[in-house]
Amino acid sequence: MNPKILIIDDELDFLKMIQEYLSKIGYNVIAFNDPFEGFKYFKLNSSEIVVIITDWRMPKMNGLVLATQIRQLNIMVKIVMLTAYDMGIVKACPEYETAKIYKIIQKPIRLLLLKNLLTELLIL
């Protein structure tokens, strides 16, 4: 069975592009453009998800708050944070430490970089 990856990003076009790319290279991808819906899915399926890719800035709930809530359910899942903002701003947020982000990737992302990161994450 292919590893299951959960992607949460409010930019629908970006979300579809990443979902299609990762599906095409063999990953089982579940995508949500609403962080609350993505978290609800995770709560019901936390044991199946191996990697979460989430945006930092989203309406309703930012990615660090989302990651902190995910950590209360599962400390082992790898979380990758995407942001168009300076990474230092993300790391300065109070939730950053409790969110236990594996890696922050600057948008716009390179698909090959994402592919290589997922390969690395799934080997560890």
PDB file of N, CA and C in Angstrom:
ATOM      1  N   MET A   1       0.843  -1.190   0.000  1.00  0.00           N
ATOM      2  CA  MET A   1       0.000   0.000   0.000  1.00  0.00           C
ATOM      3  C   MET A   1       0.883   1.247   0.000  1.00  0.00           C
ATOM      4  N   ASN A   2       0.542   2.215  -0.809  1.00  0.00           N
ATOM      5  CA  ASN A   2       1.317   3.443  -0.895  1.00  0.00           C
ATOM      6  C   ASN A   2       1.133   4.286   0.365  1.00  0.00           C
ATOM      7  N   PRO A   3       2.196   4.980   0.795  1.00  0.00           N
ATOM      8  CA  PRO A   3       2.085   5.842   1.966  1.00  0.00           C
ATOM      9  C   PRO A   3       0.995   6.900   1.770  1.00  0.00           C
ATOM     10  N   LYS A   4       0.239   7.170   2.833  1.00  0.00           N
ATOM     11  CA  LYS A   4      -0.844   8.152   2.749  1.00  0.00           C
ATOM     12  C   LYS A   4      -0.341   9.505   3.251  1.00  0.00           C
ATOM     13  N   ILE A   5      -0.529  10.513   2.412  1.00  0.00           N
ATOM     14  CA  ILE A   5      -0.096  11.875   2.705  1.00  0.00           C
ATOM     15  C   ILE A   5      -1.327  12.769   2.767  1.00  0.00           C
ATOM     16  N   LEU A   6      -1.405  13.587   3.806  1.00  0.00           N
ATOM     17  CA  LEU A   6      -2.494  14.544   3.964  1.00  0.00           C
ATOM     18  C   LEU A   6      -1.959  15.925   3.634  1.00  0.00           C
ATOM     19  N   ILE A   7      -2.629  16.616   2.712  1.00  0.00           N
ATOM     20  CA  ILE A   7      -2.230  17.975   2.334  1.00  0.00           C
ATOM     21  C   ILE A   7      -3.359  18.922   2.702  1.00  0.00           C
ATOM     22  N   ILE A   8      -2.991  20.025   3.363  1.00  0.00           N
ATOM     23  CA  ILE A   8      -3.977  21.032   3.751  1.00  0.00           C
ATOM     24  C   ILE A   8      -3.436  22.390   3.343  1.00  0.00           C
ATOM     25  N   ASP A   9      -4.136  23.038   2.409  1.00  0.00           N
ATOM     26  CA  ASP A   9      -3.732  24.349   1.905  1.00  0.00           C
ATOM     27  C   ASP A   9      -4.978  25.051   1.390  1.00  0.00           C
ATOM     28  N   ASP A  10      -5.129  26.318   1.711  1.00  0.00           N
ATOM     29  CA  ASP A  10      -6.339  27.043   1.312  1.00  0.00           C
ATOM     30  C   ASP A  10      -6.324  27.483  -0.150  1.00  0.00           C
ATOM     31  N   GLU A  11      -5.180  27.442  -0.812  1.00  0.00           N
ATOM     32  CA  GLU A  11      -5.099  27.816  -2.231  1.00  0.00           C
ATOM     33  C   GLU A  11      -5.472  26.599  -3.071  1.00  0.00           C
ATOM     34  N   LEU A  12      -6.674  26.594  -3.605  1.00  0.00           N
ATOM     35  CA  LEU A  12      -7.224  25.429  -4.284  1.00  0.00           C
ATOM     36  C   LEU A  12      -6.404  24.995  -5.501  1.00  0.00           C
ATOM     37  N   ASP A  13      -5.962  25.938  -6.327  1.00  0.00           N
ATOM     38  CA  ASP A  13      -5.167  25.564  -7.505  1.00  0.00           C
ATOM     39  C   ASP A  13      -3.847  24.919  -7.103  1.00  0.00           C
ATOM     40  N   PHE A  14      -3.191  25.483  -6.105  1.00  0.00           N
ATOM     41  CA  PHE A  14      -1.936  24.930  -5.603  1.00  0.00           C
ATOM     42  C   PHE A  14      -2.173  23.537  -5.030  1.00  0.00           C
ATOM     43  N   LEU A  15      -3.234  23.400  -4.263  1.00  0.00           N
ATOM     44  CA  LEU A  15      -3.582  22.124  -3.643  1.00  0.00           C
ATOM     45  C   LEU A  15      -3.786  21.041  -4.699  1.00  0.00           C
ATOM     46  N   LYS A  16      -4.533  21.368  -5.739  1.00  0.00           N
ATOM     47  CA  LYS A  16      -4.787  20.395  -6.814  1.00  0.00           C
ATOM     48  C   LYS A  16      -3.500  20.021  -7.537  1.00  0.00           C
ATOM     49  N   MET A  17      -2.635  21.003  -7.776  1.00  0.00           N
ATOM     50  CA  MET A  17      -1.373  20.734  -8.468  1.00  0.00           C
ATOM     51  C   MET A  17      -0.509  19.762  -7.663  1.00  0.00           C
ATOM     52  N   ILE A  18      -0.363  20.013  -6.367  1.00  0.00           N
ATOM     53  CA  ILE A  18       0.456  19.146  -5.513  1.00  0.00           C
ATOM     54  C   ILE A  18      -0.174  17.759  -5.409  1.00  0.00           C
ATOM     55  N   GLN A  19      -1.481  17.706  -5.244  1.00  0.00           N
ATOM     56  CA  GLN A  19      -2.174  16.423  -5.139  1.00  0.00           C
ATOM     57  C   GLN A  19      -1.987  15.604  -6.413  1.00  0.00           C
ATOM     58  N   GLU A  20      -2.158  16.211  -7.559  1.00  0.00           N
ATOM     59  CA  GLU A  20      -1.992  15.494  -8.832  1.00  0.00           C
ATOM     60  C   GLU A  20      -0.559  15.011  -9.007  1.00  0.00           C
ATOM     61  N   TYR A  21       0.411  15.868  -8.698  1.00  0.00           N
ATOM     62  CA  TYR A  21       1.817  15.495  -8.854  1.00  0.00           C
ATOM     63  C   TYR A  21       2.173  14.311  -7.951  1.00  0.00           C
ATOM     64  N   LEU A  22       1.824  14.408  -6.682  1.00  0.00           N
ATOM     65  CA  LEU A  22       2.182  13.337  -5.751  1.00  0.00           C
ATOM     66  C   LEU A  22       1.443  12.043  -6.061  1.00  0.00           C
ATOM     67  N   SER A  23       0.209  12.151  -6.504  1.00  0.00           N
ATOM     68  CA  SER A  23      -0.541  10.948  -6.902  1.00  0.00           C
ATOM     69  C   SER A  23       0.116  10.292  -8.113  1.00  0.00           C
ATOM     70  N   LYS A  24       0.547  11.123  -9.042  1.00  0.00           N
ATOM     71  CA  LYS A  24       1.182  10.628 -10.273  1.00  0.00           C
ATOM     72  C   LYS A  24       2.480   9.869  -9.990  1.00  0.00           C
ATOM     73  N   ILE A  25       3.214  10.281  -8.944  1.00  0.00           N
ATOM     74  CA  ILE A  25       4.474   9.596  -8.639  1.00  0.00           C
ATOM     75  C   ILE A  25       4.290   8.489  -7.592  1.00  0.00           C
ATOM     76  N   GLY A  26       3.037   8.153  -7.284  1.00  0.00           N
ATOM     77  CA  GLY A  26       2.788   6.950  -6.502  1.00  0.00           C
ATOM     78  C   GLY A  26       2.295   7.101  -5.077  1.00  0.00           C
ATOM     79  N   TYR A  27       2.066   8.321  -4.634  1.00  0.00           N
ATOM     80  CA  TYR A  27       1.593   8.499  -3.264  1.00  0.00           C
ATOM     81  C   TYR A  27       0.072   8.483  -3.204  1.00  0.00           C
ATOM     82  N   ASN A  28      -0.443   8.043  -2.077  1.00  0.00           N
ATOM     83  CA  ASN A  28      -1.870   8.080  -1.801  1.00  0.00           C
ATOM     84  C   ASN A  28      -2.125   9.413  -1.095  1.00  0.00           C
ATOM     85  N   VAL A  29      -2.761  10.360  -1.794  1.00  0.00           N
ATOM     86  CA  VAL A  29      -2.876  11.732  -1.310  1.00  0.00           C
ATOM     87  C   VAL A  29      -4.324  12.081  -1.004  1.00  0.00           C
ATOM     88  N   ILE A  30      -4.531  12.627   0.185  1.00  0.00           N
ATOM     89  CA  ILE A  30      -5.822  13.158   0.595  1.00  0.00           C
ATOM     90  C   ILE A  30      -5.611  14.658   0.767  1.00  0.00           C
ATOM     91  N   ALA A  31      -6.481  15.480   0.174  1.00  0.00           N
ATOM     92  CA  ALA A  31      -6.272  16.925   0.204  1.00  0.00           C
ATOM     93  C   ALA A  31      -7.522  17.666   0.682  1.00  0.00           C
ATOM     94  N   PHE A  32      -7.269  18.710   1.465  1.00  0.00           N
ATOM     95  CA  PHE A  32      -8.336  19.572   1.968  1.00  0.00           C
ATOM     96  C   PHE A  32      -7.902  21.019   1.847  1.00  0.00           C
ATOM     97  N   ASN A  33      -8.849  21.894   1.486  1.00  0.00           N
ATOM     98  CA  ASN A  33      -8.520  23.315   1.449  1.00  0.00           C
ATOM     99  C   ASN A  33      -9.062  24.045   2.678  1.00  0.00           C
ATOM    100  N   ASP A  34      -9.586  23.306   3.629  1.00  0.00           N
ATOM    101  CA  ASP A  34     -10.085  23.861   4.886  1.00  0.00           C
ATOM    102  C   ASP A  34      -9.372  23.135   6.030  1.00  0.00           C
ATOM    103  N   PRO A  35      -8.643  23.872   6.884  1.00  0.00           N
ATOM    104  CA  PRO A  35      -7.889  23.208   7.948  1.00  0.00           C
ATOM    105  C   PRO A  35      -8.773  22.437   8.932  1.00  0.00           C
ATOM    106  N   PHE A  36      -9.984  22.904   9.187  1.00  0.00           N
ATOM    107  CA  PHE A  36     -10.872  22.185  10.100  1.00  0.00           C
ATOM    108  C   PHE A  36     -11.296  20.838   9.518  1.00  0.00           C
ATOM    109  N   GLU A  37     -11.584  20.820   8.225  1.00  0.00           N
ATOM    110  CA  GLU A  37     -11.951  19.561   7.563  1.00  0.00           C
ATOM    111  C   GLU A  37     -10.762  18.610   7.522  1.00  0.00           C
ATOM    112  N   GLY A  38      -9.588  19.150   7.239  1.00  0.00           N
ATOM    113  CA  GLY A  38      -8.381  18.327   7.232  1.00  0.00           C
ATOM    114  C   GLY A  38      -8.091  17.726   8.598  1.00  0.00           C
ATOM    115  N   PHE A  39      -8.275  18.526   9.645  1.00  0.00           N
ATOM    116  CA  PHE A  39      -8.050  18.024  11.000  1.00  0.00           C
ATOM    117  C   PHE A  39      -9.089  16.973  11.374  1.00  0.00           C
ATOM    118  N   LYS A  40     -10.327  17.193  10.969  1.00  0.00           N
ATOM    119  CA  LYS A  40     -11.378  16.214  11.248  1.00  0.00           C
ATOM    120  C   LYS A  40     -11.040  14.878  10.583  1.00  0.00           C
ATOM    121  N   TYR A  41     -10.572  14.936   9.339  1.00  0.00           N
ATOM    122  CA  TYR A  41     -10.159  13.718   8.639  1.00  0.00           C
ATOM    123  C   TYR A  41      -9.001  13.045   9.387  1.00  0.00           C
ATOM    124  N   PHE A  42      -8.019  13.843   9.800  1.00  0.00           N
ATOM    125  CA  PHE A  42      -6.870  13.285  10.498  1.00  0.00           C
ATOM    126  C   PHE A  42      -7.297  12.581  11.786  1.00  0.00           C
ATOM    127  N   LYS A  43      -8.192  13.193  12.550  1.00  0.00           N
ATOM    128  CA  LYS A  43      -8.644  12.583  13.806  1.00  0.00           C
ATOM    129  C   LYS A  43      -9.224  11.195  13.569  1.00  0.00           C
ATOM    130  N   LEU A  44      -9.928  11.019  12.452  1.00  0.00           N
ATOM    131  CA  LEU A  44     -10.558   9.730  12.155  1.00  0.00           C
ATOM    132  C   LEU A  44      -9.597   8.725  11.527  1.00  0.00           C
ATOM    133  N   ASN A  45      -8.487   9.219  10.972  1.00  0.00           N
ATOM    134  CA  ASN A  45      -7.571   8.357  10.215  1.00  0.00           C
ATOM    135  C   ASN A  45      -6.108   8.541  10.611  1.00  0.00           C
ATOM    136  N   SER A  46      -5.845   8.956  11.824  1.00  0.00           N
ATOM    137  CA  SER A  46      -4.478   9.338  12.215  1.00  0.00           C
ATOM    138  C   SER A  46      -3.458   8.214  12.066  1.00  0.00           C
ATOM    139  N   SER A  47      -3.867   6.990  12.243  1.00  0.00           N
ATOM    140  CA  SER A  47      -2.906   5.886  12.153  1.00  0.00           C
ATOM    141  C   SER A  47      -2.479   5.593  10.712  1.00  0.00           C
ATOM    142  N   GLU A  48      -3.235   6.078   9.742  1.00  0.00           N
ATOM    143  CA  GLU A  48      -2.924   5.816   8.328  1.00  0.00           C
ATOM    144  C   GLU A  48      -2.038   6.890   7.697  1.00  0.00           C
ATOM    145  N   ILE A  49      -1.999   8.079   8.276  1.00  0.00           N
ATOM    146  CA  ILE A  49      -1.279   9.216   7.691  1.00  0.00           C
ATOM    147  C   ILE A  49       0.176   9.169   8.136  1.00  0.00           C
ATOM    148  N   VAL A  50       1.109   9.232   7.183  1.00  0.00           N
ATOM    149  CA  VAL A  50       2.531   9.210   7.531  1.00  0.00           C
ATOM    150  C   VAL A  50       3.184  10.588   7.410  1.00  0.00           C
ATOM    151  N   VAL A  51       2.626  11.438   6.541  1.00  0.00           N
ATOM    152  CA  VAL A  51       3.170  12.788   6.348  1.00  0.00           C
ATOM    153  C   VAL A  51       1.999  13.749   6.171  1.00  0.00           C
ATOM    154  N   ILE A  52       2.137  14.927   6.776  1.00  0.00           N
ATOM    155  CA  ILE A  52       1.178  16.007   6.575  1.00  0.00           C
ATOM    156  C   ILE A  52       1.936  17.178   5.985  1.00  0.00           C
ATOM    157  N   ILE A  53       1.391  17.734   4.919  1.00  0.00           N
ATOM    158  CA  ILE A  53       1.939  18.940   4.296  1.00  0.00           C
ATOM    159  C   ILE A  53       0.876  20.011   4.472  1.00  0.00           C
ATOM    160  N   THR A  54       1.230  21.103   5.144  1.00  0.00           N
ATOM    161  CA  THR A  54       0.245  22.141   5.388  1.00  0.00           C
ATOM    162  C   THR A  54       0.829  23.530   5.163  1.00  0.00           C
ATOM    163  N   ASP A  55      -0.042  24.417   4.756  1.00  0.00           N
ATOM    164  CA  ASP A  55       0.323  25.821   4.600  1.00  0.00           C
ATOM    165  C   ASP A  55       0.365  26.462   5.981  1.00  0.00           C
ATOM    166  N   TRP A  56       1.126  27.528   6.105  1.00  0.00           N
ATOM    167  CA  TRP A  56       1.159  28.245   7.372  1.00  0.00           C
ATOM    168  C   TRP A  56      -0.022  29.197   7.485  1.00  0.00           C
ATOM    169  N   ARG A  57      -0.183  30.070   6.497  1.00  0.00           N
ATOM    170  CA  ARG A  57      -1.224  31.099   6.563  1.00  0.00           C
ATOM    171  C   ARG A  57      -2.479  30.609   5.861  1.00  0.00           C
ATOM    172  N   MET A  58      -3.503  30.333   6.657  1.00  0.00           N
ATOM    173  CA  MET A  58      -4.804  29.928   6.120  1.00  0.00           C
ATOM    174  C   MET A  58      -5.878  30.634   6.924  1.00  0.00           C
ATOM    175  N   PRO A  59      -7.017  30.899   6.295  1.00  0.00           N
ATOM    176  CA  PRO A  59      -8.117  31.484   7.062  1.00  0.00           C
ATOM    177  C   PRO A  59      -8.643  30.469   8.086  1.00  0.00           C
ATOM    178  N   LYS A  60      -9.202  30.940   9.126  1.00  0.00           N
ATOM    179  CA  LYS A  60      -9.820  30.135  10.192  1.00  0.00           C
ATOM    180  C   LYS A  60      -8.797  29.558  11.167  1.00  0.00           C
ATOM    181  N   MET A  61      -7.720  28.929  10.646  1.00  0.00           N
ATOM    182  CA  MET A  61      -6.717  28.310  11.521  1.00  0.00           C
ATOM    183  C   MET A  61      -5.385  28.268  10.775  1.00  0.00           C
ATOM    184  N   ASN A  62      -4.327  28.785  11.397  1.00  0.00           N
ATOM    185  CA  ASN A  62      -3.041  28.717  10.703  1.00  0.00           C
ATOM    186  C   ASN A  62      -2.417  27.335  10.881  1.00  0.00           C
ATOM    187  N   GLY A  63      -1.433  27.058  10.065  1.00  0.00           N
ATOM    188  CA  GLY A  63      -0.820  25.736  10.044  1.00  0.00           C
ATOM    189  C   GLY A  63      -0.121  25.339  11.330  1.00  0.00           C
ATOM    190  N   LEU A  64       0.411  26.301  12.081  1.00  0.00           N
ATOM    191  CA  LEU A  64       1.062  25.968  13.348  1.00  0.00           C
ATOM    192  C   LEU A  64       0.049  25.561  14.410  1.00  0.00           C
ATOM    193  N   VAL A  65      -1.085  26.227  14.436  1.00  0.00           N
ATOM    194  CA  VAL A  65      -2.148  25.838  15.364  1.00  0.00           C
ATOM    195  C   VAL A  65      -2.653  24.444  14.985  1.00  0.00           C
ATOM    196  N   LEU A  66      -2.842  24.225  13.691  1.00  0.00           N
ATOM    197  CA  LEU A  66      -3.257  22.913  13.200  1.00  0.00           C
ATOM    198  C   LEU A  66      -2.246  21.838  13.611  1.00  0.00           C
ATOM    199  N   ALA A  67      -0.972  22.107  13.390  1.00  0.00           N
ATOM    200  CA  ALA A  67       0.074  21.136  13.730  1.00  0.00           C
ATOM    201  C   ALA A  67       0.114  20.860  15.234  1.00  0.00           C
ATOM    202  N   THR A  68      -0.103  21.881  16.034  1.00  0.00           N
ATOM    203  CA  THR A  68      -0.128  21.701  17.484  1.00  0.00           C
ATOM    204  C   THR A  68      -1.278  20.784  17.890  1.00  0.00           C
ATOM    205  N   GLN A  69      -2.430  20.952  17.271  1.00  0.00           N
ATOM    206  CA  GLN A  69      -3.566  20.078  17.565  1.00  0.00           C
ATOM    207  C   GLN A  69      -3.293  18.647  17.101  1.00  0.00           C
ATOM    208  N   ILE A  70      -2.644  18.516  15.951  1.00  0.00           N
ATOM    209  CA  ILE A  70      -2.283  17.186  15.445  1.00  0.00           C
ATOM    210  C   ILE A  70      -1.327  16.498  16.418  1.00  0.00           C
ATOM    211  N   ARG A  71      -0.384  17.259  16.965  1.00  0.00           N
ATOM    212  CA  ARG A  71       0.593  16.703  17.910  1.00  0.00           C
ATOM    213  C   ARG A  71      -0.073  16.144  19.164  1.00  0.00           C
ATOM    214  N   GLN A  72      -1.212  16.684  19.535  1.00  0.00           N
ATOM    215  CA  GLN A  72      -1.923  16.159  20.705  1.00  0.00           C
ATOM    216  C   GLN A  72      -2.464  14.754  20.434  1.00  0.00           C
ATOM    217  N   LEU A  73      -2.640  14.415  19.151  1.00  0.00           N
ATOM    218  CA  LEU A  73      -3.146  13.094  18.773  1.00  0.00           C
ATOM    219  C   LEU A  73      -2.049  12.134  18.331  1.00  0.00           C
ATOM    220  N   ASN A  74      -0.992  12.683  17.712  1.00  0.00           N
ATOM    221  CA  ASN A  74       0.036  11.829  17.120  1.00  0.00           C
ATOM    222  C   ASN A  74       1.362  12.584  17.105  1.00  0.00           C
ATOM    223  N   ILE A  75       2.296  12.126  17.886  1.00  0.00           N
ATOM    224  CA  ILE A  75       3.603  12.789  17.968  1.00  0.00           C
ATOM    225  C   ILE A  75       4.545  12.319  16.855  1.00  0.00           C
ATOM    226  N   MET A  76       4.237  11.185  16.218  1.00  0.00           N
ATOM    227  CA  MET A  76       5.156  10.583  15.257  1.00  0.00           C
ATOM    228  C   MET A  76       4.988  11.051  13.814  1.00  0.00           C
ATOM    229  N   VAL A  77       3.802  11.508  13.436  1.00  0.00           N
ATOM    230  CA  VAL A  77       3.566  11.896  12.048  1.00  0.00           C
ATOM    231  C   VAL A  77       4.504  13.056  11.688  1.00  0.00           C
ATOM    232  N   LYS A  78       5.058  12.996  10.495  1.00  0.00           N
ATOM    233  CA  LYS A  78       5.959  14.052  10.030  1.00  0.00           C
ATOM    234  C   LYS A  78       5.115  15.193   9.443  1.00  0.00           C
ATOM    235  N   ILE A  79       5.411  16.429   9.860  1.00  0.00           N
ATOM    236  CA  ILE A  79       4.678  17.594   9.365  1.00  0.00           C
ATOM    237  C   ILE A  79       5.638  18.508   8.632  1.00  0.00           C
ATOM    238  N   VAL A  80       5.264  18.835   7.401  1.00  0.00           N
ATOM    239  CA  VAL A  80       6.025  19.761   6.566  1.00  0.00           C
ATOM    240  C   VAL A  80       5.186  21.024   6.428  1.00  0.00           C
ATOM    241  N   MET A  81       5.775  22.173   6.732  1.00  0.00           N
ATOM    242  CA  MET A  81       5.081  23.454   6.663  1.00  0.00           C
ATOM    243  C   MET A  81       5.498  24.200   5.408  1.00  0.00           C
ATOM    244  N   LEU A  82       4.516  24.701   4.670  1.00  0.00           N
ATOM    245  CA  LEU A  82       4.768  25.525   3.495  1.00  0.00           C
ATOM    246  C   LEU A  82       4.450  26.976   3.830  1.00  0.00           C
ATOM    247  N   THR A  83       5.245  27.887   3.319  1.00  0.00           N
ATOM    248  CA  THR A  83       4.955  29.297   3.550  1.00  0.00           C
ATOM    249  C   THR A  83       5.552  30.167   2.457  1.00  0.00           C
ATOM    250  N   ALA A  84       4.834  31.225   2.132  1.00  0.00           N
ATOM    251  CA  ALA A  84       5.344  32.237   1.211  1.00  0.00           C
ATOM    252  C   ALA A  84       6.044  33.344   2.011  1.00  0.00           C
ATOM    253  N   TYR A  85       5.921  33.288   3.322  1.00  0.00           N
ATOM    254  CA  TYR A  85       6.509  34.292   4.204  1.00  0.00           C
ATOM    255  C   TYR A  85       7.913  33.874   4.623  1.00  0.00           C
ATOM    256  N   ASP A  86       8.620  34.774   5.239  1.00  0.00           N
ATOM    257  CA  ASP A  86       9.952  34.495   5.746  1.00  0.00           C
ATOM    258  C   ASP A  86       9.880  33.388   6.795  1.00  0.00           C
ATOM    259  N   MET A  87      10.739  32.405   6.679  1.00  0.00           N
ATOM    260  CA  MET A  87      10.724  31.274   7.611  1.00  0.00           C
ATOM    261  C   MET A  87      10.997  31.699   9.046  1.00  0.00           C
ATOM    262  N   GLY A  88      11.754  32.775   9.212  1.00  0.00           N
ATOM    263  CA  GLY A  88      12.034  33.281  10.553  1.00  0.00           C
ATOM    264  C   GLY A  88      10.773  33.730  11.274  1.00  0.00           C
ATOM    265  N   ILE A  89       9.812  34.256  10.532  1.00  0.00           N
ATOM    266  CA  ILE A  89       8.541  34.684  11.122  1.00  0.00           C
ATOM    267  C   ILE A  89       7.800  33.464  11.662  1.00  0.00           C
ATOM    268  N   VAL A  90       7.789  32.385  10.875  1.00  0.00           N
ATOM    269  CA  VAL A  90       7.124  31.155  11.309  1.00  0.00           C
ATOM    270  C   VAL A  90       7.799  30.622  12.571  1.00  0.00           C
ATOM    271  N   LYS A  91       9.117  30.564  12.562  1.00  0.00           N
ATOM    272  CA  LYS A  91       9.855  30.011  13.702  1.00  0.00           C
ATOM    273  C   LYS A  91       9.730  30.874  14.959  1.00  0.00           C
ATOM    274  N   ALA A  92       9.378  32.140  14.801  1.00  0.00           N
ATOM    275  CA  ALA A  92       9.222  33.038  15.946  1.00  0.00           C
ATOM    276  C   ALA A  92       7.848  32.911  16.611  1.00  0.00           C
ATOM    277  N   CYS A  93       6.927  32.225  15.988  1.00  0.00           N
ATOM    278  CA  CYS A  93       5.579  32.067  16.548  1.00  0.00           C
ATOM    279  C   CYS A  93       5.626  31.181  17.795  1.00  0.00           C
ATOM    280  N   PRO A  94       4.797  31.501  18.793  1.00  0.00           N
ATOM    281  CA  PRO A  94       4.808  30.712  20.031  1.00  0.00           C
ATOM    282  C   PRO A  94       4.477  29.231  19.824  1.00  0.00           C
ATOM    283  N   GLU A  95       3.668  28.902  18.835  1.00  0.00           N
ATOM    284  CA  GLU A  95       3.273  27.509  18.602  1.00  0.00           C
ATOM    285  C   GLU A  95       4.355  26.681  17.905  1.00  0.00           C
ATOM    286  N   TYR A  96       5.382  27.319  17.397  1.00  0.00           N
ATOM    287  CA  TYR A  96       6.372  26.607  16.589  1.00  0.00           C
ATOM    288  C   TYR A  96       7.010  25.441  17.349  1.00  0.00           C
ATOM    289  N   GLU A  97       7.380  25.640  18.588  1.00  0.00           N
ATOM    290  CA  GLU A  97       8.045  24.582  19.360  1.00  0.00           C
ATOM    291  C   GLU A  97       7.129  23.378  19.595  1.00  0.00           C
ATOM    292  N   THR A  98       5.881  23.641  19.963  1.00  0.00           N
ATOM    293  CA  THR A  98       4.966  22.531  20.246  1.00  0.00           C
ATOM    294  C   THR A  98       4.477  21.839  18.979  1.00  0.00           C
ATOM    295  N   ALA A  99       4.548  22.543  17.852  1.00  0.00           N
ATOM    296  CA  ALA A  99       4.086  21.963  16.580  1.00  0.00           C
ATOM    297  C   ALA A  99       5.046  20.889  16.067  1.00  0.00           C
ATOM    298  N   LYS A 100       6.315  20.961  16.472  1.00  0.00           N
ATOM    299  CA  LYS A 100       7.325  19.972  16.055  1.00  0.00           C
ATOM    300  C   LYS A 100       7.326  19.770  14.534  1.00  0.00           C
ATOM    301  N   ILE A 101       7.528  20.860  13.811  1.00  0.00           N
ATOM    302  CA  ILE A 101       7.574  20.834  12.348  1.00  0.00           C
ATOM    303  C   ILE A 101       8.871  20.167  11.906  1.00  0.00           C
ATOM    304  N   TYR A 102       8.754  19.206  10.999  1.00  0.00           N
ATOM    305  CA  TYR A 102       9.944  18.518  10.510  1.00  0.00           C
ATOM    306  C   TYR A 102      10.764  19.432   9.601  1.00  0.00           C
ATOM    307  N   LYS A 103      10.074  20.148   8.719  1.00  0.00           N
ATOM    308  CA  LYS A 103      10.777  21.011   7.771  1.00  0.00           C
ATOM    309  C   LYS A 103       9.836  22.107   7.296  1.00  0.00           C
ATOM    310  N   ILE A 104      10.386  23.282   7.051  1.00  0.00           N
ATOM    311  CA  ILE A 104       9.637  24.385   6.448  1.00  0.00           C
ATOM    312  C   ILE A 104      10.147  24.548   5.026  1.00  0.00           C
ATOM    313  N   ILE A 105       9.214  24.645   4.091  1.00  0.00           N
ATOM    314  CA  ILE A 105       9.572  24.850   2.682  1.00  0.00           C
ATOM    315  C   ILE A 105       8.997  26.182   2.224  1.00  0.00           C
ATOM    316  N   GLN A 106       9.846  26.959   1.599  1.00  0.00           N
ATOM    317  CA  GLN A 106       9.454  28.272   1.088  1.00  0.00           C
ATOM    318  C   GLN A 106       8.665  28.122  -0.208  1.00  0.00           C
ATOM    319  N   LYS A 107       7.529  28.812  -0.296  1.00  0.00           N
ATOM    320  CA  LYS A 107       6.769  28.860  -1.548  1.00  0.00           C
ATOM    321  C   LYS A 107       7.366  29.957  -2.414  1.00  0.00           C
ATOM    322  N   PRO A 108       7.356  29.869  -3.714  1.00  0.00           N
ATOM    323  CA  PRO A 108       6.842  28.731  -4.480  1.00  0.00           C
ATOM    324  C   PRO A 108       7.789  27.538  -4.350  1.00  0.00           C
ATOM    325  N   ILE A 109       7.210  26.355  -4.261  1.00  0.00           N
ATOM    326  CA  ILE A 109       8.030  25.169  -4.057  1.00  0.00           C
ATOM    327  C   ILE A 109       8.434  24.545  -5.387  1.00  0.00           C
ATOM    328  N   ARG A 110       9.552  23.859  -5.354  1.00  0.00           N
ATOM    329  CA  ARG A 110       9.981  23.075  -6.510  1.00  0.00           C
ATOM    330  C   ARG A 110       9.498  21.650  -6.279  1.00  0.00           C
ATOM    331  N   LEU A 111       8.823  21.101  -7.250  1.00  0.00           N
ATOM    332  CA  LEU A 111       8.240  19.770  -7.097  1.00  0.00           C
ATOM    333  C   LEU A 111       9.302  18.701  -6.849  1.00  0.00           C
ATOM    334  N   LEU A 112      10.457  18.825  -7.483  1.00  0.00           N
ATOM    335  CA  LEU A 112      11.531  17.854  -7.259  1.00  0.00           C
ATOM    336  C   LEU A 112      12.013  17.906  -5.805  1.00  0.00           C
ATOM    337  N   LEU A 113      12.096  19.096  -5.236  1.00  0.00           N
ATOM    338  CA  LEU A 113      12.477  19.235  -3.835  1.00  0.00           C
ATOM    339  C   LEU A 113      11.468  18.514  -2.940  1.00  0.00           C
ATOM    340  N   LEU A 114      10.179  18.687  -3.233  1.00  0.00           N
ATOM    341  CA  LEU A 114       9.140  18.021  -2.450  1.00  0.00           C
ATOM    342  C   LEU A 114       9.233  16.507  -2.593  1.00  0.00           C
ATOM    343  N   LYS A 115       9.449  16.041  -3.805  1.00  0.00           N
ATOM    344  CA  LYS A 115       9.595  14.597  -4.047  1.00  0.00           C
ATOM    345  C   LYS A 115      10.773  14.037  -3.254  1.00  0.00           C
ATOM    346  N   ASN A 116      11.911  14.714  -3.297  1.00  0.00           N
ATOM    347  CA  ASN A 116      13.101  14.255  -2.572  1.00  0.00           C
ATOM    348  C   ASN A 116      12.885  14.281  -1.061  1.00  0.00           C
ATOM    349  N   LEU A 117      12.190  15.300  -0.578  1.00  0.00           N
ATOM    350  CA  LEU A 117      11.904  15.383   0.856  1.00  0.00           C
ATOM    351  C   LEU A 117      11.008  14.227   1.295  1.00  0.00           C
ATOM    352  N   LEU A 118       9.991  13.922   0.506  1.00  0.00           N
ATOM    353  CA  LEU A 118       9.105  12.816   0.858  1.00  0.00           C
ATOM    354  C   LEU A 118       9.844  11.483   0.835  1.00  0.00           C
ATOM    355  N   THR A 119      10.737  11.312  -0.107  1.00  0.00           N
ATOM    356  CA  THR A 119      11.556  10.103  -0.154  1.00  0.00           C
ATOM    357  C   THR A 119      12.377   9.991   1.131  1.00  0.00           C
ATOM    358  N   GLU A 120      12.983  11.099   1.537  1.00  0.00           N
ATOM    359  CA  GLU A 120      13.774  11.136   2.773  1.00  0.00           C
ATOM    360  C   GLU A 120      12.899  10.827   3.993  1.00  0.00           C
ATOM    361  N   LEU A 121      11.731  11.432   4.068  1.00  0.00           N
ATOM    362  CA  LEU A 121      10.835  11.249   5.215  1.00  0.00           C
ATOM    363  C   LEU A 121      10.356   9.806   5.335  1.00  0.00           C
ATOM    364  N   LEU A 122      10.077   9.184   4.231  1.00  0.00           N
ATOM    365  CA  LEU A 122       9.515   7.853   4.265  1.00  0.00           C
ATOM    366  C   LEU A 122      10.573   6.772   4.450  1.00  0.00           C
ATOM    367  N   ILE A 123      11.843   7.139   4.310  1.00  0.00           N
ATOM    368  CA  ILE A 123      12.939   6.202   4.585  1.00  0.00           C
ATOM    369  C   ILE A 123      13.268   6.222   6.070  1.00  0.00           C
ATOM    370  N   LEU A 124      13.135   7.394   6.694  1.00  0.00           N
ATOM    371  CA  LEU A 124      13.503   7.556   8.119  1.00  0.00           C
ATOM    372  C   LEU A 124      12.628   6.721   9.017  1.00  0.00           C
TER     373      LEU A 124
END
